[in-house]
Amino acid sequence: EAAVADLAFAAKHAGVIQMADILPARRARGPNEPGGIKFGHFCDMVQSDRKYPNDPVRSSLEIVAAGTMLFDQIWLGSYMSGGVGFTQYATAAYTDNILDDFTQYGVDYIKKHHGGIGKAKATQEVVNDIATEVNLYGMEQYEEFPTALESHFGGSQRASVLAAASGITTSLATCNSNAGLNGWYLSMLMHKEGWSRLGFFGYDLQDQCGSANSMSIRPDEGLLGELRGPNYPNYAMNVGHQGEYAAIGGAAHIARGDAWTLSPLMKITFADPSLKFDFSEVRREFAKGAIREFMPAGERS
């Protein structure tokens, strides 16, 4: 019955956009898999920047929320690991306002010291300054407020949140996703120097090589952030990274006021008001699901 139901559903909704690149045969279960979605395309699925063009923090963090759900919980937590879930990684990024606070602090800092959103040059000095300031602020908040540590009780949760704030802020300041990635990786290295570890064994292997790789001319190491995806080399190994990487790419375009990140077709498609899921209010829709108020478009199996 399930197969027939899905066949009927597909036949009635034949206008399918192929959003994902093909995956290696050992990982692919079919076309259009979540693991093949480029981060730039994913940013265009989220519509918060269209609804809140003057709130770059909110617009960026809605991408984080959507990404942690799709990439951490669904792709890595279900498809790739067989059902581990990785729920706490995602909830650290889309519940409470800890990440919001860290990122807003960074935006206030760049307004005060770098002339505002999109005004800073994409130099190593700028990356060092912004990422250091935001990361140290976040670490100080965790040390000052034990309840923040209790909320983000895993080292890798804190690493994700600190690095996301650092990377997104740097990206917003410079309009450059590669500068934002370097802000993320600098945060990770500083965090490890300060607290000795980031998370479970292997969590940080991509972060240890990230600073050097982001400057590499080889596309399997130094590809533009918007063109990377969940199956990108080094990125396919562990959780707590991919939704944040997507938002770092999106933040560069949000800062510039771009109409889309990578694909106008994708942006327009997910702006459809008839969609049951409002992609401009990702966290609100998640909350509606949690309290059983979200109604999907018919029964799916």
Protein backbone atom coordinates (compact mmCIF):
# COMPACT_ATOMS: atom_id res chain seq x y z
CA GLU A 1 0.00 0.00 0.00
CA ALA A 2 2.80 2.41 0.87
CA ALA A 3 4.42 2.00 -2.54
CA VAL A 4 1.11 2.50 -4.34
CA ALA A 5 0.32 5.56 -2.24
CA ASP A 6 3.66 7.17 -3.03
CA LEU A 7 3.26 6.34 -6.72
CA ALA A 8 -0.16 7.97 -6.76
CA PHE A 9 1.16 11.00 -4.89
CA ALA A 10 4.03 11.39 -7.37
CA ALA A 11 1.69 11.03 -10.35
CA LYS A 12 -0.60 13.77 -9.05
CA HIS A 13 2.32 16.07 -8.29
CA ALA A 14 4.41 15.49 -11.38
CA GLY A 15 5.92 18.98 -11.51
CA VAL A 16 8.98 18.05 -9.50
CA ILE A 17 12.04 20.29 -9.24
CA GLN A 18 15.24 18.29 -9.09
CA MET A 19 16.84 20.11 -6.19
CA ALA A 20 19.66 17.70 -5.38
CA ASP A 21 22.78 16.57 -7.20
CA ILE A 22 23.24 12.84 -7.63
CA LEU A 23 24.97 11.03 -4.78
CA PRO A 24 27.48 8.17 -4.98
CA ALA A 25 25.76 4.84 -5.52
CA ARG A 26 26.77 3.56 -2.08
CA ARG A 27 24.80 6.40 -0.47
CA ALA A 28 22.01 7.20 -2.89
CA ARG A 29 18.57 5.72 -2.31
CA GLY A 30 17.05 7.57 -5.24
CA PRO A 31 17.03 10.92 -7.04
CA ASN A 32 16.58 14.20 -5.18
CA GLU A 33 18.08 12.95 -1.92
CA PRO A 34 18.66 15.46 0.93
CA GLY A 35 22.37 14.69 0.85
CA GLY A 36 22.65 16.14 -2.64
CA ILE A 37 21.19 19.56 -1.89
CA LYS A 38 23.73 22.35 -2.27
CA PHE A 39 23.90 24.73 0.67
CA GLY A 40 23.21 27.66 -1.65
CA HIS A 41 20.04 26.01 -2.94
CA PHE A 42 19.00 25.25 0.61
CA CYS A 43 19.35 28.92 1.54
CA ASP A 44 16.94 29.73 -1.28
CA MET A 45 14.36 27.35 0.15
CA VAL A 46 14.21 29.42 3.33
CA GLN A 47 12.18 32.60 2.85
CA SER A 48 12.86 34.55 6.03
CA ASP A 49 15.10 37.11 4.31
CA ARG A 50 12.23 37.90 1.94
CA LYS A 51 9.85 38.51 4.84
CA TYR A 52 12.35 40.14 7.20
CA PRO A 53 14.85 41.93 4.93
CA ASN A 54 15.92 44.26 7.72
CA ASP A 55 16.65 41.52 10.26
CA PRO A 56 19.78 39.71 9.07
CA VAL A 57 20.17 37.77 12.31
CA ARG A 58 16.70 36.29 12.16
CA SER A 59 17.00 35.57 8.45
CA SER A 60 20.31 33.75 8.93
CA LEU A 61 19.22 31.75 11.95
CA GLU A 62 16.08 30.50 10.24
CA ILE A 63 18.44 28.86 7.73
CA VAL A 64 20.34 27.29 10.63
CA ALA A 65 17.09 25.93 12.04
CA ALA A 66 15.94 24.45 8.76
CA GLY A 67 19.39 23.03 8.04
CA THR A 68 19.87 21.32 11.36
CA MET A 69 16.50 19.65 10.91
CA LEU A 70 17.10 18.45 7.35
CA PHE A 71 20.82 17.71 7.46
CA ASP A 72 21.41 16.69 11.09
CA GLN A 73 18.12 15.07 12.06
CA ILE A 74 16.79 13.71 8.78
CA TRP A 75 19.87 13.12 6.61
CA LEU A 76 22.57 12.18 9.11
CA GLY A 77 20.30 11.16 11.98
CA SER A 78 17.96 8.96 9.98
CA TYR A 79 19.25 8.16 6.50
CA MET A 80 22.96 7.83 7.19
CA SER A 81 23.08 6.46 10.73
CA GLY A 82 19.93 4.37 10.75
CA GLY A 83 17.93 6.34 13.27
CA VAL A 84 20.24 7.80 15.92
CA GLY A 85 18.33 11.05 15.57
CA PHE A 86 20.86 13.69 16.69
CA THR A 87 17.96 15.67 18.11
CA GLN A 88 19.97 17.64 20.65
CA TYR A 89 22.27 19.04 17.98
CA ALA A 90 19.34 20.53 16.15
CA THR A 91 17.47 21.80 19.21
CA ALA A 92 20.60 23.62 20.42
CA ALA A 93 20.45 25.63 17.21
CA TYR A 94 16.70 26.31 16.89
CA THR A 95 15.35 26.51 20.45
CA ASP A 96 15.89 29.12 23.19
CA ASN A 97 17.72 32.33 22.24
CA ILE A 98 21.36 31.53 23.03
CA LEU A 99 22.51 31.45 19.41
CA ASP A 100 20.37 34.52 18.72
CA ASP A 101 22.10 36.40 21.54
CA PHE A 102 25.61 35.47 20.42
CA THR A 103 24.89 36.43 16.81
CA GLN A 104 23.17 39.69 17.72
CA TYR A 105 26.17 40.59 19.87
CA GLY A 106 28.36 40.05 16.81
CA VAL A 107 26.15 42.24 14.62
CA ASP A 108 26.23 45.00 17.23
CA TYR A 109 30.02 44.68 17.29
CA ILE A 110 30.41 45.01 13.52
CA LYS A 111 28.08 48.01 13.49
CA LYS A 112 30.25 49.68 16.11
CA HIS A 113 33.70 48.69 14.85
CA HIS A 114 33.37 47.80 11.16
CA GLY A 115 30.91 50.34 9.79
CA GLY A 116 27.89 48.04 9.69
CA ILE A 117 26.53 45.07 7.77
CA GLY A 118 28.47 44.39 4.59
CA LYS A 119 31.01 47.16 5.15
CA ALA A 120 34.07 45.16 6.23
CA LYS A 121 36.74 43.89 3.86
CA ALA A 122 37.17 40.13 3.56
CA THR A 123 40.67 40.02 5.03
CA GLN A 124 42.25 37.68 7.54
CA GLU A 125 42.58 40.57 9.99
CA VAL A 126 38.85 41.24 9.85
CA VAL A 127 38.06 37.54 10.25
CA ASN A 128 40.39 37.33 13.24
CA ASP A 129 38.86 40.38 14.91
CA ILE A 130 35.18 39.53 14.51
CA ALA A 131 35.38 35.79 15.12
CA THR A 132 37.61 36.26 18.17
CA GLU A 133 35.27 38.83 19.71
CA VAL A 134 32.12 36.80 19.14
CA ASN A 135 33.65 33.50 20.20
CA LEU A 136 35.10 34.90 23.43
CA TYR A 137 31.78 36.55 24.24
CA GLY A 138 30.00 33.23 23.82
CA MET A 139 32.53 31.30 25.90
CA GLU A 140 32.21 33.91 28.65
CA GLN A 141 28.43 33.54 28.63
CA TYR A 142 28.68 29.78 29.01
CA GLU A 143 31.08 30.20 31.92
CA GLU A 144 29.01 32.90 33.61
CA PHE A 145 25.60 31.23 33.31
CA PRO A 146 25.53 27.52 34.27
CA THR A 147 22.02 27.15 32.88
CA ALA A 148 23.40 27.89 29.41
CA LEU A 149 25.83 25.00 29.90
CA GLU A 150 22.96 22.81 31.06
CA SER A 151 20.91 23.70 28.01
CA HIS A 152 23.81 22.94 25.66
CA PHE A 153 25.13 20.07 27.73
CA GLY A 154 27.43 18.60 25.07
CA GLY A 155 30.74 20.08 24.07
CA SER A 156 29.97 19.73 20.40
CA GLN A 157 26.64 21.52 20.85
CA ARG A 158 28.47 24.48 22.32
CA ALA A 159 31.07 24.26 19.55
CA SER A 160 28.35 24.41 16.90
CA VAL A 161 26.62 27.39 18.47
CA LEU A 162 29.81 29.38 19.13
CA ALA A 163 31.16 28.73 15.66
CA ALA A 164 27.82 29.45 13.99
CA ALA A 165 27.63 32.87 15.65
CA SER A 166 31.24 33.61 14.73
CA GLY A 167 30.88 32.46 11.13
CA ILE A 168 27.51 34.07 10.43
CA THR A 169 28.63 37.38 11.94
CA THR A 170 31.81 37.38 9.86
CA SER A 171 29.81 36.54 6.74
CA LEU A 172 27.33 39.36 7.44
CA ALA A 173 30.18 41.81 7.95
CA THR A 174 32.06 40.93 4.77
CA CYS A 175 29.36 39.63 2.37
CA ASN A 176 31.79 36.77 1.80
CA SER A 177 30.94 33.15 2.59
CA ASN A 178 34.58 32.09 2.57
CA ALA A 179 35.41 34.70 5.18
CA GLY A 180 32.46 33.38 7.18
CA LEU A 181 33.76 29.83 6.96
CA ASN A 182 37.11 31.04 8.22
CA GLY A 183 35.33 32.70 11.13
CA TRP A 184 33.71 29.34 11.92
CA TYR A 185 37.01 27.47 11.81
CA LEU A 186 38.84 30.11 13.87
CA SER A 187 36.12 29.81 16.52
CA MET A 188 36.63 26.06 16.64
CA LEU A 189 40.39 26.38 17.07
CA MET A 190 40.03 29.04 19.79
CA HIS A 191 37.38 26.98 21.56
CA LYS A 192 39.65 23.94 21.64
CA GLU A 193 42.57 26.01 22.94
CA GLY A 194 40.38 27.40 25.70
CA TRP A 195 38.45 24.32 26.78
CA SER A 196 40.72 21.51 25.52
CA ARG A 197 38.12 19.72 23.44
CA LEU A 198 35.14 20.37 21.19
CA GLY A 199 32.99 17.27 21.38
CA PHE A 200 32.93 13.55 20.76
CA PHE A 201 35.91 11.88 19.13
CA GLY A 202 36.01 12.86 15.49
CA TYR A 203 33.51 15.71 15.77
CA ASP A 204 36.14 18.29 14.94
CA LEU A 205 38.19 16.54 12.27
CA GLN A 206 36.74 18.73 9.54
CA ASP A 207 37.38 21.82 11.68
CA GLN A 208 41.03 20.99 12.22
CA CYS A 209 41.72 21.15 8.48
CA GLY A 210 39.09 23.73 7.60
CA SER A 211 41.16 26.90 7.80
CA ALA A 212 43.73 25.57 5.36
CA ASN A 213 41.20 23.84 3.13
CA SER A 214 39.05 26.95 2.74
CA MET A 215 41.98 28.61 0.98
CA SER A 216 42.72 25.64 -1.27
CA ILE A 217 42.39 25.91 -5.04
CA ARG A 218 41.27 22.27 -5.21
CA PRO A 219 37.47 22.17 -5.47
CA ASP A 220 37.18 19.16 -3.17
CA GLU A 221 38.75 21.34 -0.45
CA GLY A 222 38.22 25.01 -1.34
CA LEU A 223 34.93 25.13 -3.21
CA LEU A 224 32.72 28.18 -2.64
CA GLY A 225 30.51 27.58 0.38
CA GLU A 226 27.30 28.07 -1.59
CA LEU A 227 28.25 25.19 -3.89
CA ARG A 228 29.12 22.74 -1.12
CA GLY A 229 26.61 20.35 0.38
CA PRO A 230 26.10 17.53 2.90
CA ASN A 231 28.11 15.11 0.78
CA TYR A 232 31.06 17.48 0.37
CA PRO A 233 34.41 15.90 1.31
CA ASN A 234 35.01 16.19 5.08
CA TYR A 235 31.43 17.40 5.64
CA ALA A 236 29.71 14.03 5.33
CA MET A 237 31.23 12.62 8.51
CA ASN A 238 29.51 14.13 11.52
CA VAL A 239 26.71 16.29 12.83
CA GLY A 240 26.53 19.81 14.17
CA HIS A 241 27.96 21.53 11.10
CA GLN A 242 25.87 21.45 7.95
CA GLY A 243 22.90 23.67 8.78
CA GLU A 244 25.32 26.23 10.13
CA TYR A 245 27.49 26.04 7.00
CA ALA A 246 24.42 26.71 4.89
CA ALA A 247 23.55 29.78 6.94
CA ILE A 248 27.08 31.15 6.64
CA GLY A 249 26.68 31.02 2.86
CA GLY A 250 23.24 32.57 3.02
CA ALA A 251 24.34 35.34 5.39
CA ALA A 252 26.75 36.71 2.78
CA HIS A 253 23.85 37.26 0.39
CA ILE A 254 21.47 38.47 3.09
CA ALA A 255 24.04 41.14 3.97
CA ARG A 256 24.15 42.31 0.35
CA GLY A 257 20.39 42.35 0.03
CA ASP A 258 20.48 39.79 -2.78
CA ALA A 259 17.14 38.43 -3.98
CA TRP A 260 18.51 34.89 -3.87
CA THR A 261 21.65 32.98 -2.92
CA LEU A 262 22.13 30.50 -5.77
CA SER A 263 18.89 29.90 -7.68
CA PRO A 264 15.98 32.28 -8.36
CA LEU A 265 13.91 29.26 -9.40
CA MET A 266 14.37 27.69 -5.98
CA LYS A 267 13.59 30.97 -4.24
CA ILE A 268 10.35 31.45 -6.14
CA THR A 269 9.26 27.84 -5.75
CA PHE A 270 9.46 27.88 -1.97
CA ALA A 271 7.74 31.27 -1.79
CA ASP A 272 4.50 29.58 -2.88
CA PRO A 273 1.83 30.68 -0.36
CA SER A 274 -0.11 27.45 -0.90
CA LEU A 275 2.65 25.39 0.74
CA LYS A 276 1.59 23.92 4.07
CA PHE A 277 5.00 24.66 5.59
CA ASP A 278 5.79 28.37 5.83
CA PHE A 279 9.48 28.58 4.90
CA SER A 280 9.65 32.19 6.10
CA GLU A 281 8.85 31.10 9.67
CA VAL A 282 10.83 27.88 10.06
CA ARG A 283 11.19 27.90 13.83
CA ARG A 284 7.55 28.82 14.31
CA GLU A 285 6.50 25.91 12.10
CA PHE A 286 8.71 23.54 14.11
CA ALA A 287 7.03 24.79 17.28
CA LYS A 288 3.60 24.20 15.76
CA GLY A 289 4.65 20.64 15.03
CA ALA A 290 5.86 20.15 18.59
CA ILE A 291 2.49 21.15 20.03
CA ARG A 292 0.59 19.15 17.37
CA GLU A 293 -0.78 22.19 15.54
CA PHE A 294 0.96 21.61 12.20
CA MET A 295 -1.14 19.87 9.57
CA PRO A 296 0.74 18.27 6.64
CA ALA A 297 -0.61 18.08 3.11
CA GLY A 298 -2.33 14.71 3.37
CA GLU A 299 -1.16 11.34 4.59
CA ARG A 300 2.36 10.30 3.56
CA SER A 301 4.05 7.00 4.28
